[in-house]
N, C-alpha and C. Protein backbone atom coordinates (compact mmCIF):
# COMPACT_ATOMS: atom_id res chain seq x y z
N MET A 1 -12.51 -130.25 -128.18
CA MET A 1 -13.68 -131.04 -128.47
C MET A 1 -14.28 -131.51 -127.15
N ALA A 2 -15.50 -131.11 -126.90
CA ALA A 2 -16.16 -131.47 -125.64
C ALA A 2 -17.23 -132.52 -125.89
N VAL A 3 -17.47 -133.37 -124.89
CA VAL A 3 -18.45 -134.45 -125.00
C VAL A 3 -19.42 -134.37 -123.82
N TRP A 4 -20.71 -134.51 -124.11
CA TRP A 4 -21.76 -134.54 -123.09
C TRP A 4 -22.55 -135.82 -123.25
N ARG A 5 -23.03 -136.36 -122.13
CA ARG A 5 -23.84 -137.58 -122.15
C ARG A 5 -25.13 -137.36 -121.38
N LYS A 6 -26.20 -137.97 -121.90
CA LYS A 6 -27.49 -137.88 -121.22
C LYS A 6 -28.14 -139.25 -121.26
N GLU A 7 -28.61 -139.68 -120.09
CA GLU A 7 -29.37 -140.93 -119.99
C GLU A 7 -30.81 -140.65 -120.40
N ILE A 8 -31.34 -141.46 -121.27
CA ILE A 8 -32.70 -141.31 -121.79
C ILE A 8 -33.51 -142.53 -121.35
N LYS A 9 -34.66 -142.27 -120.71
CA LYS A 9 -35.45 -143.38 -120.16
C LYS A 9 -36.75 -143.63 -120.91
N SER A 10 -37.04 -142.80 -121.94
CA SER A 10 -38.29 -142.99 -122.67
C SER A 10 -38.21 -142.32 -124.04
N VAL A 11 -39.14 -142.67 -124.90
CA VAL A 11 -39.24 -142.02 -126.21
C VAL A 11 -39.47 -140.53 -126.03
N GLU A 12 -40.29 -140.18 -125.05
CA GLU A 12 -40.60 -138.77 -124.79
C GLU A 12 -39.35 -137.98 -124.40
N GLU A 13 -38.46 -138.59 -123.61
CA GLU A 13 -37.21 -137.91 -123.25
C GLU A 13 -36.31 -137.73 -124.47
N MET A 14 -36.29 -138.73 -125.36
CA MET A 14 -35.50 -138.62 -126.59
C MET A 14 -36.05 -137.48 -127.46
N GLU A 15 -37.36 -137.42 -127.59
CA GLU A 15 -37.99 -136.37 -128.38
C GLU A 15 -37.71 -134.99 -127.78
N LYS A 16 -37.76 -134.91 -126.46
CA LYS A 16 -37.51 -133.63 -125.79
C LYS A 16 -36.07 -133.15 -126.04
N LEU A 17 -35.10 -134.05 -125.92
CA LEU A 17 -33.70 -133.68 -126.15
C LEU A 17 -33.50 -133.23 -127.60
N ALA A 18 -34.04 -133.99 -128.55
CA ALA A 18 -33.89 -133.64 -129.96
C ALA A 18 -34.53 -132.29 -130.26
N ALA A 19 -35.71 -132.05 -129.70
CA ALA A 19 -36.40 -130.77 -129.92
C ALA A 19 -35.61 -129.62 -129.32
N GLU A 20 -35.02 -129.86 -128.16
CA GLU A 20 -34.22 -128.80 -127.54
C GLU A 20 -33.01 -128.47 -128.39
N ILE A 21 -32.33 -129.49 -128.88
CA ILE A 21 -31.19 -129.25 -129.77
C ILE A 21 -31.67 -128.51 -131.02
N GLY A 22 -32.78 -128.97 -131.59
CA GLY A 22 -33.32 -128.34 -132.79
C GLY A 22 -33.64 -126.87 -132.61
N SER A 23 -34.03 -126.49 -131.41
CA SER A 23 -34.40 -125.09 -131.16
C SER A 23 -33.21 -124.13 -131.30
N TYR A 24 -31.99 -124.67 -131.24
CA TYR A 24 -30.79 -123.84 -131.38
C TYR A 24 -30.23 -123.81 -132.81
N LEU A 25 -30.72 -124.70 -133.65
CA LEU A 25 -30.10 -124.86 -134.96
C LEU A 25 -30.56 -123.85 -135.98
N LYS A 26 -29.66 -123.60 -136.93
CA LYS A 26 -29.96 -122.74 -138.07
C LYS A 26 -29.05 -123.18 -139.22
N PRO A 27 -29.42 -122.88 -140.44
CA PRO A 27 -28.56 -123.25 -141.56
C PRO A 27 -27.22 -122.52 -141.47
N PRO A 28 -26.15 -123.15 -141.83
CA PRO A 28 -25.99 -124.48 -142.41
C PRO A 28 -25.52 -125.52 -141.39
N ASP A 29 -26.09 -125.56 -140.21
CA ASP A 29 -25.65 -126.50 -139.17
C ASP A 29 -25.73 -127.94 -139.66
N VAL A 30 -24.76 -128.74 -139.21
CA VAL A 30 -24.67 -130.15 -139.58
C VAL A 30 -24.59 -130.99 -138.31
N LEU A 31 -25.44 -132.02 -138.26
CA LEU A 31 -25.41 -133.00 -137.18
C LEU A 31 -25.15 -134.36 -137.80
N THR A 32 -24.27 -135.12 -137.19
CA THR A 32 -24.13 -136.52 -137.59
C THR A 32 -24.89 -137.33 -136.56
N LEU A 33 -25.49 -138.42 -136.99
CA LEU A 33 -26.35 -139.22 -136.13
C LEU A 33 -25.97 -140.68 -136.29
N GLU A 34 -25.46 -141.26 -135.21
CA GLU A 34 -25.01 -142.65 -135.22
C GLU A 34 -25.77 -143.44 -134.16
N GLY A 35 -25.88 -144.73 -134.38
CA GLY A 35 -26.50 -145.62 -133.41
C GLY A 35 -26.89 -146.92 -134.07
N ASP A 36 -27.00 -147.96 -133.25
CA ASP A 36 -27.40 -149.26 -133.77
C ASP A 36 -28.82 -149.21 -134.30
N LEU A 37 -29.17 -150.23 -135.06
CA LEU A 37 -30.54 -150.38 -135.55
C LEU A 37 -31.49 -150.38 -134.35
N GLY A 38 -32.49 -149.53 -134.41
CA GLY A 38 -33.47 -149.45 -133.33
C GLY A 38 -33.04 -148.61 -132.15
N ALA A 39 -31.93 -147.91 -132.26
CA ALA A 39 -31.43 -147.11 -131.14
C ALA A 39 -32.27 -145.86 -130.92
N GLY A 40 -32.90 -145.36 -131.97
CA GLY A 40 -33.71 -144.16 -131.82
C GLY A 40 -33.32 -143.03 -132.77
N LYS A 41 -32.54 -143.34 -133.80
CA LYS A 41 -32.10 -142.30 -134.74
C LYS A 41 -33.29 -141.63 -135.44
N THR A 42 -34.22 -142.44 -135.91
CA THR A 42 -35.37 -141.86 -136.61
C THR A 42 -36.25 -141.08 -135.65
N THR A 43 -36.44 -141.57 -134.45
CA THR A 43 -37.19 -140.83 -133.43
C THR A 43 -36.54 -139.48 -133.18
N PHE A 44 -35.23 -139.47 -133.05
CA PHE A 44 -34.48 -138.24 -132.84
C PHE A 44 -34.68 -137.29 -134.02
N ALA A 45 -34.49 -137.81 -135.24
CA ALA A 45 -34.61 -136.97 -136.45
C ALA A 45 -36.02 -136.39 -136.59
N LYS A 46 -37.05 -137.19 -136.31
CA LYS A 46 -38.44 -136.72 -136.40
C LYS A 46 -38.70 -135.57 -135.43
N ALA A 47 -38.24 -135.73 -134.19
CA ALA A 47 -38.47 -134.70 -133.17
C ALA A 47 -37.70 -133.44 -133.49
N LEU A 48 -36.48 -133.59 -133.98
CA LEU A 48 -35.70 -132.42 -134.37
C LEU A 48 -36.40 -131.69 -135.52
N ALA A 49 -36.85 -132.44 -136.50
CA ALA A 49 -37.54 -131.84 -137.65
C ALA A 49 -38.80 -131.09 -137.21
N LYS A 50 -39.56 -131.70 -136.33
CA LYS A 50 -40.77 -131.05 -135.82
C LYS A 50 -40.43 -129.74 -135.12
N SER A 51 -39.31 -129.72 -134.40
CA SER A 51 -38.92 -128.51 -133.65
C SER A 51 -38.54 -127.35 -134.56
N ILE A 52 -38.21 -127.64 -135.82
CA ILE A 52 -37.90 -126.55 -136.76
C ILE A 52 -39.05 -126.33 -137.74
N GLY A 53 -40.24 -126.79 -137.36
CA GLY A 53 -41.44 -126.45 -138.11
C GLY A 53 -41.76 -127.36 -139.28
N ILE A 54 -41.17 -128.52 -139.34
CA ILE A 54 -41.48 -129.45 -140.43
C ILE A 54 -42.71 -130.25 -140.04
N THR A 55 -43.71 -130.21 -140.91
CA THR A 55 -44.97 -130.90 -140.62
C THR A 55 -45.13 -132.20 -141.40
N ARG A 56 -44.35 -132.37 -142.46
CA ARG A 56 -44.38 -133.63 -143.23
C ARG A 56 -43.85 -134.77 -142.38
N THR A 57 -44.29 -135.97 -142.70
CA THR A 57 -43.78 -137.14 -142.01
C THR A 57 -42.31 -137.35 -142.39
N VAL A 58 -41.47 -137.47 -141.38
CA VAL A 58 -40.05 -137.68 -141.58
C VAL A 58 -39.78 -139.18 -141.44
N SER A 59 -39.09 -139.74 -142.43
CA SER A 59 -38.74 -141.15 -142.38
C SER A 59 -37.27 -141.31 -142.76
N SER A 60 -36.73 -142.47 -142.47
CA SER A 60 -35.32 -142.72 -142.76
C SER A 60 -35.09 -142.72 -144.27
N PRO A 61 -34.03 -142.05 -144.73
CA PRO A 61 -33.72 -142.00 -146.15
C PRO A 61 -32.84 -143.15 -146.62
N THR A 62 -32.97 -144.32 -146.00
CA THR A 62 -32.08 -145.44 -146.26
C THR A 62 -31.94 -145.76 -147.74
N PHE A 63 -33.04 -145.80 -148.47
CA PHE A 63 -32.97 -146.23 -149.87
C PHE A 63 -32.86 -145.07 -150.85
N THR A 64 -33.06 -143.86 -150.38
CA THR A 64 -32.99 -142.71 -151.27
C THR A 64 -31.73 -141.87 -151.05
N ILE A 65 -30.99 -142.15 -150.02
CA ILE A 65 -29.77 -141.45 -149.58
C ILE A 65 -30.10 -140.08 -148.97
N ILE A 66 -30.95 -139.29 -149.62
CA ILE A 66 -31.27 -137.97 -149.07
C ILE A 66 -32.75 -137.68 -149.23
N LYS A 67 -33.32 -137.11 -148.17
CA LYS A 67 -34.67 -136.57 -148.20
C LYS A 67 -34.58 -135.12 -147.76
N GLN A 68 -35.35 -134.28 -148.41
CA GLN A 68 -35.34 -132.86 -148.07
C GLN A 68 -36.73 -132.44 -147.64
N TYR A 69 -36.77 -131.60 -146.61
CA TYR A 69 -38.02 -131.15 -146.02
C TYR A 69 -37.99 -129.63 -145.88
N GLU A 70 -39.17 -129.04 -145.93
CA GLU A 70 -39.30 -127.59 -145.74
C GLU A 70 -40.03 -127.31 -144.43
N GLY A 71 -39.51 -126.38 -143.66
CA GLY A 71 -40.12 -125.93 -142.42
C GLY A 71 -39.69 -124.50 -142.18
N ASN A 72 -39.47 -124.12 -140.93
CA ASN A 72 -38.90 -122.80 -140.66
C ASN A 72 -37.54 -122.67 -141.36
N TYR A 73 -36.83 -123.79 -141.43
CA TYR A 73 -35.59 -123.90 -142.19
C TYR A 73 -35.69 -125.18 -143.01
N PRO A 74 -35.04 -125.23 -144.17
CA PRO A 74 -34.98 -126.49 -144.90
C PRO A 74 -34.14 -127.50 -144.11
N LEU A 75 -34.46 -128.78 -144.27
CA LEU A 75 -33.72 -129.85 -143.61
C LEU A 75 -33.32 -130.89 -144.64
N ASN A 76 -32.04 -131.23 -144.66
CA ASN A 76 -31.54 -132.36 -145.44
C ASN A 76 -31.32 -133.51 -144.48
N HIS A 77 -31.96 -134.64 -144.74
CA HIS A 77 -31.78 -135.84 -143.91
C HIS A 77 -31.11 -136.88 -144.81
N LEU A 78 -29.87 -137.22 -144.50
CA LEU A 78 -29.10 -138.14 -145.33
C LEU A 78 -28.80 -139.43 -144.59
N ASP A 79 -28.83 -140.53 -145.32
CA ASP A 79 -28.35 -141.81 -144.85
C ASP A 79 -27.32 -142.25 -145.88
N VAL A 80 -26.04 -142.13 -145.54
CA VAL A 80 -24.98 -142.36 -146.52
C VAL A 80 -24.36 -143.76 -146.42
N TYR A 81 -25.06 -144.68 -145.75
CA TYR A 81 -24.57 -146.05 -145.61
C TYR A 81 -24.28 -146.67 -146.97
N ARG A 82 -25.14 -146.43 -147.94
CA ARG A 82 -24.98 -147.03 -149.27
C ARG A 82 -23.79 -146.44 -150.03
N LEU A 83 -23.18 -145.38 -149.49
CA LEU A 83 -22.02 -144.78 -150.13
C LEU A 83 -20.71 -145.31 -149.55
N ALA A 84 -20.79 -146.33 -148.69
CA ALA A 84 -19.61 -146.86 -148.00
C ALA A 84 -18.52 -147.28 -148.97
N THR A 85 -18.88 -147.79 -150.12
CA THR A 85 -17.89 -148.27 -151.09
C THR A 85 -17.91 -147.42 -152.36
N SER A 86 -18.34 -146.18 -152.23
CA SER A 86 -18.48 -145.32 -153.40
C SER A 86 -17.70 -144.02 -153.21
N ASP A 87 -17.29 -143.46 -154.32
CA ASP A 87 -16.67 -142.15 -154.29
C ASP A 87 -17.64 -141.09 -154.80
N GLU A 88 -18.91 -141.41 -154.75
CA GLU A 88 -19.97 -140.52 -155.25
C GLU A 88 -19.92 -139.17 -154.52
N ASP A 89 -19.97 -138.10 -155.27
CA ASP A 89 -20.04 -136.75 -154.71
C ASP A 89 -21.44 -136.22 -154.98
N LEU A 90 -22.20 -136.06 -153.93
CA LEU A 90 -23.58 -135.58 -154.07
C LEU A 90 -23.68 -134.07 -153.99
N GLY A 91 -22.56 -133.39 -154.13
CA GLY A 91 -22.57 -131.94 -153.99
C GLY A 91 -22.49 -131.55 -152.53
N TRP A 92 -21.50 -132.11 -151.85
CA TRP A 92 -21.36 -131.92 -150.40
C TRP A 92 -21.33 -130.45 -150.01
N ASP A 93 -20.60 -129.63 -150.75
CA ASP A 93 -20.50 -128.21 -150.41
C ASP A 93 -21.87 -127.54 -150.40
N GLU A 94 -22.69 -127.83 -151.41
CA GLU A 94 -24.03 -127.23 -151.46
C GLU A 94 -24.89 -127.72 -150.29
N LEU A 95 -24.74 -128.99 -149.94
CA LEU A 95 -25.52 -129.55 -148.84
C LEU A 95 -25.08 -129.01 -147.49
N PHE A 96 -23.77 -128.99 -147.25
CA PHE A 96 -23.26 -128.67 -145.92
C PHE A 96 -22.98 -127.20 -145.68
N TYR A 97 -22.94 -126.41 -146.72
CA TYR A 97 -22.67 -124.98 -146.55
C TYR A 97 -23.76 -124.13 -147.18
N GLY A 98 -24.91 -124.74 -147.44
CA GLY A 98 -26.01 -124.04 -148.10
C GLY A 98 -27.00 -123.46 -147.12
N ASP A 99 -28.27 -123.49 -147.48
CA ASP A 99 -29.31 -122.82 -146.71
C ASP A 99 -30.15 -123.80 -145.90
N ALA A 100 -29.61 -124.97 -145.59
CA ALA A 100 -30.37 -125.99 -144.86
C ALA A 100 -29.59 -126.51 -143.67
N ILE A 101 -30.31 -127.07 -142.73
CA ILE A 101 -29.73 -127.86 -141.65
C ILE A 101 -29.61 -129.28 -142.19
N SER A 102 -28.52 -129.97 -141.86
CA SER A 102 -28.33 -131.34 -142.35
C SER A 102 -28.15 -132.30 -141.19
N ILE A 103 -28.87 -133.43 -141.27
CA ILE A 103 -28.68 -134.56 -140.36
C ILE A 103 -28.14 -135.70 -141.21
N ILE A 104 -27.00 -136.28 -140.79
CA ILE A 104 -26.35 -137.31 -141.60
C ILE A 104 -26.20 -138.58 -140.78
N GLU A 105 -26.84 -139.64 -141.23
CA GLU A 105 -26.67 -140.95 -140.61
C GLU A 105 -25.56 -141.70 -141.33
N TRP A 106 -24.76 -142.46 -140.58
CA TRP A 106 -23.62 -143.22 -141.08
C TRP A 106 -22.56 -142.28 -141.65
N ALA A 107 -22.35 -141.18 -141.01
CA ALA A 107 -21.46 -140.13 -141.50
C ALA A 107 -20.01 -140.58 -141.63
N GLN A 108 -19.62 -141.64 -140.95
CA GLN A 108 -18.23 -142.09 -141.04
C GLN A 108 -17.85 -142.45 -142.48
N PHE A 109 -18.84 -142.76 -143.31
CA PHE A 109 -18.55 -143.14 -144.69
C PHE A 109 -18.22 -141.94 -145.58
N ILE A 110 -18.47 -140.74 -145.09
CA ILE A 110 -18.10 -139.53 -145.84
C ILE A 110 -17.30 -138.59 -144.95
N ALA A 111 -16.55 -139.15 -144.02
CA ALA A 111 -15.83 -138.36 -143.02
C ALA A 111 -14.98 -137.25 -143.63
N ASP A 112 -14.35 -137.51 -144.75
CA ASP A 112 -13.49 -136.50 -145.36
C ASP A 112 -14.28 -135.33 -145.94
N GLU A 113 -15.58 -135.50 -146.13
CA GLU A 113 -16.42 -134.45 -146.72
C GLU A 113 -17.11 -133.58 -145.67
N LEU A 114 -17.13 -134.03 -144.42
CA LEU A 114 -17.87 -133.34 -143.37
C LEU A 114 -17.23 -132.01 -143.00
N PRO A 115 -18.05 -131.03 -142.68
CA PRO A 115 -17.48 -129.77 -142.19
C PRO A 115 -16.83 -129.97 -140.82
N GLU A 116 -15.80 -129.19 -140.55
CA GLU A 116 -15.14 -129.30 -139.25
C GLU A 116 -16.07 -128.94 -138.12
N GLN A 117 -16.92 -127.95 -138.32
CA GLN A 117 -17.87 -127.49 -137.30
C GLN A 117 -19.15 -128.32 -137.43
N ARG A 118 -19.43 -129.15 -136.42
CA ARG A 118 -20.63 -129.98 -136.46
C ARG A 118 -20.93 -130.52 -135.07
N LEU A 119 -22.10 -131.11 -134.94
CA LEU A 119 -22.48 -131.77 -133.69
C LEU A 119 -22.64 -133.25 -133.99
N GLU A 120 -21.88 -134.07 -133.29
CA GLU A 120 -21.97 -135.51 -133.47
C GLU A 120 -22.87 -136.08 -132.38
N VAL A 121 -23.89 -136.82 -132.79
CA VAL A 121 -24.85 -137.42 -131.87
C VAL A 121 -24.74 -138.93 -132.02
N VAL A 122 -24.46 -139.61 -130.91
CA VAL A 122 -24.37 -141.07 -130.92
C VAL A 122 -25.36 -141.59 -129.87
N ILE A 123 -26.20 -142.53 -130.30
CA ILE A 123 -27.21 -143.11 -129.40
C ILE A 123 -26.83 -144.56 -129.13
N HIS A 124 -26.69 -144.89 -127.85
CA HIS A 124 -26.32 -146.25 -127.42
C HIS A 124 -27.50 -146.90 -126.70
N HIS A 125 -27.80 -148.16 -127.04
CA HIS A 125 -28.75 -148.95 -126.25
C HIS A 125 -28.14 -149.21 -124.88
N THR A 126 -28.90 -149.00 -123.82
CA THR A 126 -28.42 -149.37 -122.49
C THR A 126 -29.40 -150.30 -121.79
N GLY A 127 -30.53 -150.57 -122.42
CA GLY A 127 -31.55 -151.45 -121.90
C GLY A 127 -32.71 -151.48 -122.87
N PRO A 128 -33.74 -152.25 -122.57
CA PRO A 128 -34.88 -152.36 -123.49
C PRO A 128 -35.52 -151.00 -123.83
N GLU A 129 -35.61 -150.13 -122.88
CA GLU A 129 -36.24 -148.82 -123.09
C GLU A 129 -35.28 -147.65 -122.88
N THR A 130 -34.08 -147.93 -122.45
CA THR A 130 -33.16 -146.85 -122.09
C THR A 130 -32.04 -146.70 -123.12
N ARG A 131 -31.56 -145.47 -123.22
CA ARG A 131 -30.49 -145.13 -124.14
C ARG A 131 -29.55 -144.13 -123.45
N THR A 132 -28.33 -144.06 -123.95
CA THR A 132 -27.43 -142.98 -123.61
C THR A 132 -27.18 -142.22 -124.90
N VAL A 133 -27.37 -140.92 -124.83
CA VAL A 133 -27.08 -140.06 -125.98
C VAL A 133 -25.79 -139.32 -125.67
N GLU A 134 -24.85 -139.43 -126.59
CA GLU A 134 -23.55 -138.79 -126.44
C GLU A 134 -23.43 -137.71 -127.51
N LEU A 135 -23.18 -136.50 -127.07
CA LEU A 135 -23.02 -135.37 -127.98
C LEU A 135 -21.56 -134.92 -127.97
N THR A 136 -20.98 -134.83 -129.15
CA THR A 136 -19.62 -134.33 -129.29
C THR A 136 -19.69 -133.05 -130.10
N ALA A 137 -19.33 -131.96 -129.46
CA ALA A 137 -19.37 -130.65 -130.11
C ALA A 137 -18.05 -130.40 -130.81
N LYS A 138 -18.12 -130.20 -132.10
CA LYS A 138 -16.94 -129.86 -132.89
C LYS A 138 -17.09 -128.41 -133.31
N GLY A 139 -16.42 -127.54 -132.58
CA GLY A 139 -16.50 -126.11 -132.86
C GLY A 139 -17.16 -125.36 -131.72
N GLU A 140 -16.84 -124.11 -131.64
CA GLU A 140 -17.30 -123.25 -130.55
C GLU A 140 -18.81 -123.10 -130.49
N ARG A 141 -19.46 -122.96 -131.65
CA ARG A 141 -20.91 -122.79 -131.67
C ARG A 141 -21.61 -123.99 -131.04
N PHE A 142 -21.20 -125.19 -131.41
CA PHE A 142 -21.85 -126.38 -130.88
C PHE A 142 -21.48 -126.63 -129.42
N THR A 143 -20.30 -126.20 -129.02
CA THR A 143 -19.94 -126.27 -127.60
C THR A 143 -20.89 -125.40 -126.79
N ARG A 144 -21.14 -124.17 -127.26
CA ARG A 144 -22.06 -123.27 -126.54
C ARG A 144 -23.47 -123.86 -126.47
N ILE A 145 -23.93 -124.45 -127.56
CA ILE A 145 -25.27 -125.05 -127.57
C ILE A 145 -25.35 -126.15 -126.52
N CYS A 146 -24.36 -127.04 -126.50
CA CYS A 146 -24.37 -128.14 -125.53
C CYS A 146 -24.27 -127.63 -124.10
N GLU A 147 -23.47 -126.61 -123.88
CA GLU A 147 -23.37 -126.03 -122.53
C GLU A 147 -24.72 -125.50 -122.07
N GLU A 148 -25.43 -124.84 -122.96
CA GLU A 148 -26.76 -124.30 -122.58
C GLU A 148 -27.74 -125.42 -122.28
N ILE A 149 -27.70 -126.49 -123.05
CA ILE A 149 -28.63 -127.60 -122.85
C ILE A 149 -28.32 -128.37 -121.57
N PHE A 150 -27.03 -128.55 -121.28
CA PHE A 150 -26.65 -129.44 -120.18
C PHE A 150 -26.34 -128.72 -118.88
N ILE A 151 -26.42 -127.40 -118.86
CA ILE A 151 -26.15 -126.69 -117.60
C ILE A 151 -27.43 -126.25 -116.96
């Protein structure tokens, strides 16, 4: 398991990193997305979605648990925070091994359901405008993607 870190100094840099990651993705890739409130998770998700051809407005699925979008590839955007105390099965196999890319916020609440091969993205506040993005590649495919982005 390899970890990469990138210092982000602006919204534009966050969007650029997310778009670059998005350019490598294809179904059924899974990304987990963690970070404090206001860290930039939605900014990251919007830029990634745009990079795969999604033109609809992307917003946080906090109250709906899942939002689905169509672009060059389908995208499942999940916020599973509300499942923290639930054993609800939303059809994880269909979501994570189907024909879509999935972004999952608060993924620790469904850790046992996550595929072994995934990219974990954690965004940390480091100042009013700055962030550190930490990528953990789980699996050879995501390791190669991170190596290409960071080399």
